[in-house]
Amino acid sequence: MRFSSAVALAVIAAFATPSEAHAIPAWARKYNMNCSGCHYPAPPRLNAAGIRFRWAGYRMPEEIGEAVTVTQISNYISARGQVAFNYQKETGQSAETAFDAEEATLFYGGPFGKNFTGWFEFEREEGGEFGLASQVGGVWGGEHSYRGFKVGMGHWLASVGIAGFDRMVGFSAPLPLEGPVTGGVPFQFSGDRSGAEVFWATEHNRISALVLDPIPGALGEMATRKDFAVTDQLILDKRGGGIMFAGYFGSQLGVDPSAPTVRSSYWRVAVSASRIFGNVEVLGGAVLARDSDLPVGGTSPFASDQMKGSGYWASGQYFVPSSKMTFFGRYEFVDPNADVSADGMRRYVLGSVLPLTLPEYLHATVEYTLLKPQASGAPSTNGLAAGLWMAF
């Protein structure tokens, strides 16, 4: 049962505090429009116009090929802060609470010249640590068909996709995307990585190929091998419903610290879909995973050199037009080892988001989570997060 315990600890650590969310009010200022022009049902979630804006390098697709001169810096720079209260209680243990007001981020993003674009993010994270992520890229073509590249460090898979791979309206994202899917290689789709991407896009479809540094992938580390990924994003409706496919193929040294020279290989394949019917959105997705060449013998926790895992989620959201409040719920499941019975992890999520200003620069969010191990008698964890998200 060591596999499920490791995954449970990683899941709890990943979701003990609210996750980050990105939206750039500077672009609303630039185009003199409300945030709802690119977001639905609430920022940072994107509608079809917002997705295409991101695909085109933070410009409108019809502006591709036009020369851009940065004259008003307020149209490119934004800041974000988040304050929250977190409650967590495991069965049989005392409740833990914490106020979180440490996260703050400064962004620069937008096009320059005729074909180029950049994104720079300077963040003070929880615990007082500072981080920097930056990407530069180029876009060539026309409004209906274009191609381009991006290189640097930043979000490559989860949080920049669609249909569940984009950012959620609440604090957390589905377990199969934000946490590890197997008890072997600790890969997760979310997080910052360094690498490069080439892509081709039309009005409704974006296909990309990526080369990334292997995990942990810290900027500046040299590696003898690289990881590879492919994605396909398809927009189905103007409010952002769609389908996304992602495949990841990589390797990692030292999955077991007692065997630091052993290189393990792995792959992950994922699909997600969302569709909006009136004021209701339904979302879902699944991830299949396989690890190979795991170290066995000695003090290794692995009983076999191979491991298969899987995960899935199903979600629903209801948008109240009169108040712009969004209610959401989600069921998630991760099975970290197909050869071990009753080692899975389930999570139930309920919450709501309410914009407090127009433009929507201030949001109030409440989210409840129940984390339940599949094993009989294993302790459950109840969590509650409430906070304000601000961007200007």
Protein backbone atom coordinates (compact mmCIF):
# COMPACT_ATOMS: atom_id res chain seq x y z
CA MET A 1 0.00 0.00 0.00
CA ARG A 2 3.01 2.32 -0.15
CA PHE A 3 1.98 3.46 -3.63
CA SER A 4 -1.41 4.80 -2.54
CA SER A 5 0.05 6.46 0.55
CA ALA A 6 2.58 8.36 -1.58
CA VAL A 7 -0.12 9.53 -3.97
CA ALA A 8 -2.40 10.55 -1.10
CA LEU A 9 0.32 12.69 0.48
CA ALA A 10 1.07 14.37 -2.85
CA VAL A 11 -2.63 15.04 -3.47
CA ILE A 12 -3.16 16.56 -0.02
CA ALA A 13 -0.07 18.75 -0.41
CA ALA A 14 -1.19 19.93 -3.83
CA PHE A 15 -4.63 20.97 -2.63
CA ALA A 16 -4.03 22.19 0.91
CA THR A 17 -3.99 25.76 -0.47
CA PRO A 18 -5.86 27.40 -3.35
CA SER A 19 -4.26 27.16 -6.77
CA GLU A 20 -3.23 30.13 -8.84
CA ALA A 21 -5.33 31.68 -11.57
CA HIS A 22 -4.33 34.03 -14.37
CA ALA A 23 -6.30 36.78 -16.04
CA ILE A 24 -4.98 40.00 -17.56
CA PRO A 25 -7.25 43.05 -17.07
CA ALA A 26 -4.70 45.02 -19.12
CA TRP A 27 -6.14 43.46 -22.27
CA ALA A 28 -9.64 44.53 -21.26
CA ARG A 29 -8.27 48.07 -20.95
CA LYS A 30 -6.51 47.82 -24.30
CA TYR A 31 -9.67 46.78 -26.17
CA ASN A 32 -12.07 48.81 -23.97
CA MET A 33 -14.21 45.80 -23.09
CA ASN A 34 -15.41 43.93 -20.03
CA CYS A 35 -13.68 40.74 -18.89
CA SER A 36 -16.73 38.76 -20.06
CA GLY A 37 -15.66 39.47 -23.63
CA CYS A 38 -13.02 36.74 -23.29
CA HIS A 39 -14.12 34.83 -20.17
CA TYR A 40 -17.06 32.53 -19.39
CA PRO A 41 -18.58 31.88 -16.93
CA ALA A 42 -16.04 33.84 -14.83
CA PRO A 43 -12.34 34.67 -15.09
CA PRO A 44 -9.92 33.00 -15.46
CA ARG A 45 -12.01 30.55 -17.52
CA LEU A 46 -11.93 31.46 -21.25
CA ASN A 47 -14.67 31.50 -23.88
CA ALA A 48 -13.96 30.88 -27.57
CA ALA A 49 -12.86 34.48 -28.18
CA GLY A 50 -10.43 34.30 -25.27
CA ILE A 51 -9.05 30.97 -26.45
CA ARG A 52 -8.41 32.32 -29.94
CA PHE A 53 -6.83 35.46 -28.44
CA ARG A 54 -4.35 33.26 -26.55
CA TRP A 55 -3.72 31.03 -29.58
CA ALA A 56 -2.89 34.12 -31.71
CA GLY A 57 -0.23 35.35 -29.27
CA TYR A 58 -2.37 37.69 -27.12
CA ARG A 59 -3.81 39.59 -30.06
CA MET A 60 -7.06 39.31 -31.98
CA PRO A 61 -6.69 36.78 -34.84
CA GLU A 62 -7.56 39.50 -37.38
CA GLU A 63 -4.55 41.47 -36.10
CA ILE A 64 -2.01 38.77 -37.04
CA GLY A 65 0.68 40.32 -39.23
CA GLU A 66 -0.06 43.89 -38.17
CA ALA A 67 2.81 45.88 -36.64
CA VAL A 68 2.35 46.51 -32.92
CA THR A 69 4.09 49.30 -31.06
CA VAL A 70 3.94 49.32 -27.27
CA THR A 71 2.92 52.90 -26.46
CA GLN A 72 0.67 52.53 -23.40
CA ILE A 73 2.28 50.18 -20.88
CA SER A 74 -0.95 49.83 -18.85
CA ASN A 75 -2.34 47.80 -21.78
CA TYR A 76 0.29 45.13 -21.16
CA ILE A 77 0.95 45.04 -17.40
CA SER A 78 -1.35 43.63 -14.73
CA ALA A 79 -1.09 42.53 -11.13
CA ARG A 80 -2.94 39.89 -9.16
CA GLY A 81 -3.32 39.06 -5.50
CA GLN A 82 -5.23 36.48 -3.53
CA VAL A 83 -6.28 36.29 0.10
CA ALA A 84 -7.90 33.18 1.49
CA PHE A 85 -8.85 31.25 4.59
CA ASN A 86 -8.21 27.49 4.53
CA TYR A 87 -9.71 24.81 6.76
CA GLN A 88 -8.65 21.17 6.71
CA LYS A 89 -9.62 18.25 8.94
CA GLU A 90 -8.66 14.61 8.65
CA THR A 91 -10.83 12.01 10.36
CA GLY A 92 -9.61 11.49 13.92
CA GLN A 93 -7.30 14.51 13.81
CA SER A 94 -7.63 18.10 14.98
CA ALA A 95 -8.70 20.67 12.43
CA GLU A 96 -6.03 22.89 10.88
CA THR A 97 -6.68 26.42 9.70
CA ALA A 98 -4.58 29.10 8.04
CA PHE A 99 -4.92 32.54 6.52
CA ASP A 100 -3.12 32.90 3.20
CA ALA A 101 -2.30 36.40 1.98
CA GLU A 102 1.18 35.82 0.59
CA GLU A 103 0.51 35.22 -3.11
CA ALA A 104 0.98 38.14 -5.49
CA THR A 105 1.95 38.24 -9.16
CA LEU A 106 3.04 40.88 -11.67
CA PHE A 107 2.40 40.10 -15.36
CA TYR A 108 3.51 41.48 -18.68
CA GLY A 109 1.94 39.96 -21.75
CA GLY A 110 1.21 40.91 -25.32
CA PRO A 111 2.44 41.17 -28.92
CA PHE A 112 5.26 43.31 -30.27
CA GLY A 113 6.44 43.95 -33.81
CA LYS A 114 4.52 42.23 -36.60
CA ASN A 115 4.86 38.62 -35.53
CA PHE A 116 6.21 38.29 -32.00
CA THR A 117 4.72 37.95 -28.56
CA GLY A 118 5.93 37.66 -24.99
CA TRP A 119 4.74 36.65 -21.54
CA PHE A 120 6.58 37.45 -18.30
CA GLU A 121 5.37 36.53 -14.83
CA PHE A 122 7.04 37.49 -11.55
CA GLU A 123 5.39 35.85 -8.56
CA ARG A 124 5.71 35.86 -4.80
CA GLU A 125 4.50 32.44 -3.78
CA GLU A 126 3.28 31.06 -0.47
CA GLY A 127 6.19 30.84 1.95
CA GLY A 128 7.79 34.03 0.66
CA GLU A 129 9.61 32.45 -2.30
CA PHE A 130 9.83 34.30 -5.61
CA GLY A 131 9.50 32.76 -9.04
CA LEU A 132 9.91 33.95 -12.61
CA ALA A 133 8.34 32.44 -15.72
CA SER A 134 8.80 33.85 -19.20
CA GLN A 135 8.02 32.85 -22.75
CA VAL A 136 8.60 34.45 -26.14
CA GLY A 137 7.15 33.32 -29.42
CA GLY A 138 6.08 34.17 -32.92
CA VAL A 139 2.96 33.87 -35.08
CA TRP A 140 2.77 33.90 -38.90
CA GLY A 141 -0.21 33.57 -41.20
CA GLY A 142 -3.69 35.05 -41.32
CA GLU A 143 -6.88 35.23 -39.29
CA HIS A 144 -8.18 31.82 -40.36
CA SER A 145 -4.94 29.80 -40.41
CA TYR A 146 -1.62 30.52 -38.74
CA ARG A 147 1.44 28.82 -37.29
CA GLY A 148 4.01 29.73 -34.69
CA PHE A 149 6.32 28.79 -31.86
CA LYS A 150 6.93 29.47 -28.17
CA VAL A 151 10.06 28.93 -26.08
CA GLY A 152 10.86 29.53 -22.41
CA MET A 153 9.43 28.51 -19.05
CA GLY A 154 5.76 28.48 -18.20
CA HIS A 155 2.51 26.55 -18.35
CA TRP A 156 2.51 24.16 -21.31
CA LEU A 157 -0.27 21.62 -20.75
CA ALA A 158 -2.77 22.02 -17.90
CA SER A 159 -4.04 25.61 -17.48
CA VAL A 160 -3.41 26.62 -21.11
CA GLY A 161 -5.68 24.07 -22.77
CA ILE A 162 -9.46 23.80 -23.02
CA ALA A 163 -12.26 21.53 -21.79
CA GLY A 164 -10.84 20.99 -18.32
CA PHE A 165 -7.19 21.56 -19.20
CA ASP A 166 -7.85 25.28 -18.77
CA ARG A 167 -8.05 26.96 -15.37
CA MET A 168 -11.09 26.19 -13.24
CA VAL A 169 -13.38 28.92 -11.91
CA GLY A 170 -12.73 27.69 -8.36
CA PHE A 171 -9.54 27.09 -6.40
CA SER A 172 -8.67 23.56 -7.52
CA ALA A 173 -8.34 21.56 -10.73
CA PRO A 174 -9.09 17.85 -11.27
CA LEU A 175 -6.81 15.41 -9.44
CA PRO A 176 -5.63 13.61 -12.62
CA LEU A 177 -4.25 16.94 -13.92
CA GLU A 178 -2.93 18.60 -10.75
CA GLY A 179 -1.50 15.52 -9.03
CA PRO A 180 0.38 12.32 -9.92
CA VAL A 181 -1.64 9.55 -11.57
CA THR A 182 0.68 6.68 -10.63
CA GLY A 183 2.69 5.80 -7.54
CA GLY A 184 5.83 5.53 -9.67
CA VAL A 185 6.99 8.54 -11.71
CA PRO A 186 5.58 11.69 -10.01
CA PHE A 187 4.58 13.40 -13.24
CA GLN A 188 1.71 15.90 -13.29
CA PHE A 189 0.27 17.89 -16.18
CA SER A 190 0.23 21.15 -14.20
CA GLY A 191 3.16 23.32 -13.14
CA ASP A 192 5.89 25.34 -14.83
CA ARG A 193 8.33 23.62 -17.16
CA SER A 194 11.02 24.86 -19.53
CA GLY A 195 10.91 23.91 -23.20
CA ALA A 196 9.72 24.81 -26.69
CA GLU A 197 6.56 24.36 -28.76
CA VAL A 198 5.57 24.61 -32.41
CA PHE A 199 1.89 24.81 -33.39
CA TRP A 200 -0.59 25.22 -36.21
CA ALA A 201 -4.02 26.73 -35.62
CA THR A 202 -7.25 27.48 -37.47
CA GLU A 203 -10.42 29.15 -36.19
CA HIS A 204 -11.48 26.03 -34.29
CA ASN A 205 -8.43 23.77 -33.96
CA ARG A 206 -4.88 24.01 -32.59
CA ILE A 207 -2.30 21.21 -32.93
CA SER A 208 1.08 21.43 -31.21
CA ALA A 209 4.28 19.48 -30.57
CA LEU A 210 6.48 20.18 -27.54
CA VAL A 211 10.01 19.39 -26.38
CA LEU A 212 10.44 19.86 -22.61
CA ASP A 213 13.13 19.42 -19.99
CA PRO A 214 12.45 16.31 -17.91
CA ILE A 215 11.04 16.73 -14.41
CA PRO A 216 11.92 18.53 -12.24
CA GLY A 217 12.94 20.65 -15.23
CA ALA A 218 14.38 23.61 -13.30
CA LEU A 219 15.55 26.41 -15.58
CA GLY A 220 19.28 26.12 -16.19
CA GLU A 221 19.59 22.39 -15.55
CA MET A 222 21.19 20.43 -18.36
CA ALA A 223 19.73 17.07 -19.40
CA THR A 224 20.96 14.36 -21.78
CA ARG A 225 17.40 13.54 -22.81
CA LYS A 226 14.21 15.52 -23.37
CA ASP A 227 10.52 14.79 -22.90
CA PHE A 228 8.01 15.08 -25.74
CA ALA A 229 4.32 15.97 -25.86
CA VAL A 230 1.59 16.49 -28.44
CA THR A 231 -1.77 18.26 -28.03
CA ASP A 232 -4.89 18.89 -30.07
CA GLN A 233 -7.46 21.48 -28.98
CA LEU A 234 -10.85 21.75 -30.67
CA ILE A 235 -13.38 24.56 -29.99
CA LEU A 236 -17.03 23.44 -30.26
CA ASP A 237 -19.00 26.60 -29.38
CA LYS A 238 -18.55 30.34 -28.86
CA ARG A 239 -18.66 30.06 -25.07
CA GLY A 240 -15.60 27.83 -24.92
CA GLY A 241 -16.88 24.26 -25.01
CA GLY A 242 -14.47 21.87 -26.69
CA ILE A 243 -12.36 18.74 -26.76
CA MET A 244 -8.67 18.34 -25.96
CA PHE A 245 -6.25 15.45 -26.48
CA ALA A 246 -2.79 15.32 -24.92
CA GLY A 247 0.01 12.77 -25.01
CA TYR A 248 3.21 12.94 -22.97
CA PHE A 249 6.30 10.73 -23.31
CA GLY A 250 9.22 11.16 -20.92
CA SER A 251 11.82 9.70 -18.59
CA GLN A 252 13.19 10.48 -15.14
CA LEU A 253 16.33 9.56 -13.25
CA GLY A 254 16.16 8.47 -9.63
CA VAL A 255 12.46 7.77 -9.11
CA ASP A 256 13.74 5.81 -6.09
CA PRO A 257 16.41 7.84 -4.21
CA SER A 258 18.22 4.60 -3.38
CA ALA A 259 18.77 4.04 -7.14
CA PRO A 260 19.68 7.52 -8.43
CA THR A 261 21.21 6.29 -11.72
CA VAL A 262 18.22 4.22 -12.86
CA ARG A 263 16.23 5.95 -15.62
CA SER A 264 12.51 5.20 -15.69
CA SER A 265 10.33 5.82 -18.74
CA TYR A 266 6.67 6.76 -18.74
CA TRP A 267 3.79 7.97 -20.84
CA ARG A 268 0.49 9.72 -20.15
CA VAL A 269 -2.49 10.02 -22.50
CA ALA A 270 -5.42 12.28 -21.66
CA VAL A 271 -8.68 13.45 -23.18
CA SER A 272 -11.19 15.98 -21.91
CA ALA A 273 -14.45 17.43 -23.21
CA SER A 274 -16.89 20.18 -22.26
CA ARG A 275 -20.17 21.43 -23.66
CA ILE A 276 -22.44 24.30 -22.67
CA PHE A 277 -26.23 23.98 -22.79
CA GLY A 278 -27.94 27.25 -21.91
CA ASN A 279 -26.55 28.22 -18.52
CA VAL A 280 -25.26 24.73 -17.71
CA GLU A 281 -21.83 23.37 -18.58
CA VAL A 282 -20.82 19.71 -18.35
CA LEU A 283 -17.15 18.71 -18.29
CA GLY A 284 -15.25 15.45 -18.03
CA GLY A 285 -11.94 13.83 -18.76
CA ALA A 286 -9.72 10.81 -18.30
CA VAL A 287 -5.99 10.05 -18.04
CA LEU A 288 -4.23 6.74 -18.71
CA ALA A 289 -0.68 6.30 -17.41
CA ARG A 290 2.14 3.75 -17.57
CA ASP A 291 5.59 3.71 -15.97
CA SER A 292 8.37 1.37 -17.12
CA ASP A 293 11.89 0.47 -15.98
CA LEU A 294 11.14 1.20 -12.32
CA PRO A 295 13.94 0.08 -9.97
CA VAL A 296 13.18 -3.11 -8.06
CA GLY A 297 15.04 -5.02 -5.37
CA GLY A 298 16.96 -3.81 -2.37
CA THR A 299 15.14 -1.06 -0.51
CA SER A 300 13.02 -0.07 -3.51
CA PRO A 301 9.28 0.30 -2.75
CA PHE A 302 8.38 -1.06 -6.20
CA ALA A 303 7.33 -4.70 -6.49
CA SER A 304 7.45 -4.61 -10.30
CA ASP A 305 9.40 -2.65 -12.90
CA GLN A 306 6.11 -1.54 -14.50
CA MET A 307 3.06 0.27 -13.16
CA LYS A 308 -0.24 1.31 -14.73
CA GLY A 309 -2.51 4.03 -13.36
CA SER A 310 -5.60 5.94 -14.41
CA GLY A 311 -7.84 8.80 -13.39
CA TYR A 312 -11.00 10.55 -14.47
CA TRP A 313 -13.32 13.38 -13.46
CA ALA A 314 -16.86 14.58 -14.17
CA SER A 315 -18.03 18.12 -13.48
CA GLY A 316 -21.00 20.41 -13.85
CA GLN A 317 -21.40 24.20 -13.61
CA TYR A 318 -24.47 26.42 -13.47
CA PHE A 319 -24.25 30.13 -14.31
CA VAL A 320 -26.86 32.53 -12.86
CA PRO A 321 -27.15 35.41 -15.38
CA SER A 322 -28.87 37.84 -13.02
CA SER A 323 -26.07 37.76 -10.43
CA LYS A 324 -23.24 36.32 -12.57
CA MET A 325 -22.70 33.75 -9.82
CA THR A 326 -21.39 30.33 -10.85
CA PHE A 327 -22.09 27.14 -8.90
CA PHE A 328 -19.91 24.11 -9.62
CA GLY A 329 -19.47 20.50 -8.54
CA ARG A 330 -16.98 17.80 -9.48
CA TYR A 331 -16.24 14.11 -8.83
CA GLU A 332 -12.65 12.89 -9.31
CA PHE A 333 -10.91 9.54 -9.03
CA VAL A 334 -7.29 8.38 -9.33
CA ASP A 335 -6.12 4.74 -9.28
CA PRO A 336 -2.31 4.86 -8.90
CA ASN A 337 -1.66 1.14 -9.45
CA ALA A 338 -3.92 -1.17 -11.45
CA ASP A 339 -2.29 -4.22 -9.83
CA VAL A 340 -3.20 -3.16 -6.28
CA SER A 341 -6.84 -3.31 -5.20
CA ALA A 342 -8.65 -0.55 -3.29
CA ASP A 343 -5.72 1.89 -3.46
CA GLY A 344 -7.56 4.66 -5.29
CA MET A 345 -8.38 8.20 -4.18
CA ARG A 346 -11.75 9.91 -4.62
CA ARG A 347 -12.54 13.59 -4.24
CA TYR A 348 -15.80 15.52 -4.19
CA VAL A 349 -15.79 19.28 -4.87
CA LEU A 350 -18.58 21.85 -4.41
CA GLY A 351 -18.29 25.61 -4.66
CA SER A 352 -19.36 28.94 -6.05
CA VAL A 353 -17.75 32.05 -7.54
CA LEU A 354 -19.27 35.54 -7.46
CA PRO A 355 -17.79 38.56 -9.31
CA LEU A 356 -18.08 41.63 -7.05
CA THR A 357 -17.17 44.38 -9.52
CA LEU A 358 -17.66 45.35 -13.14
CA PRO A 359 -15.24 44.95 -14.90
CA GLU A 360 -14.76 41.69 -13.05
CA TYR A 361 -11.53 42.54 -11.23
CA LEU A 362 -12.65 41.16 -7.84
CA HIS A 363 -14.09 37.68 -7.18
CA ALA A 364 -15.30 35.94 -4.04
CA THR A 365 -14.85 32.15 -4.05
CA VAL A 366 -15.94 29.39 -1.67
CA GLU A 367 -14.96 25.76 -2.24
CA TYR A 368 -15.57 22.60 -0.20
CA THR A 369 -13.61 19.38 -0.82
CA LEU A 370 -13.93 15.86 0.55
CA LEU A 371 -10.95 13.59 -0.08
CA LYS A 372 -11.83 9.90 0.46
CA PRO A 373 -9.35 7.04 0.02
CA GLN A 374 -10.86 3.95 -1.56
CA ALA A 375 -9.42 1.64 1.10
CA SER A 376 -11.93 0.64 3.77
CA GLY A 377 -11.37 2.45 7.06
CA ALA A 378 -8.83 4.93 5.68
CA PRO A 379 -9.29 8.46 7.04
CA SER A 380 -11.06 11.08 4.94
CA THR A 381 -10.10 14.75 4.72
CA ASN A 382 -12.58 17.63 4.67
CA GLY A 383 -11.40 20.97 3.32
CA LEU A 384 -12.89 24.42 2.98
CA ALA A 385 -11.34 27.42 1.23
CA ALA A 386 -12.84 30.88 1.04
CA GLY A 387 -11.16 33.91 -0.40
CA LEU A 388 -10.98 36.96 -2.60
CA TRP A 389 -9.18 37.02 -5.93
CA MET A 390 -8.14 40.44 -7.23
CA ALA A 391 -6.63 41.52 -10.53
CA PHE A 392 -6.14 44.99 -11.99
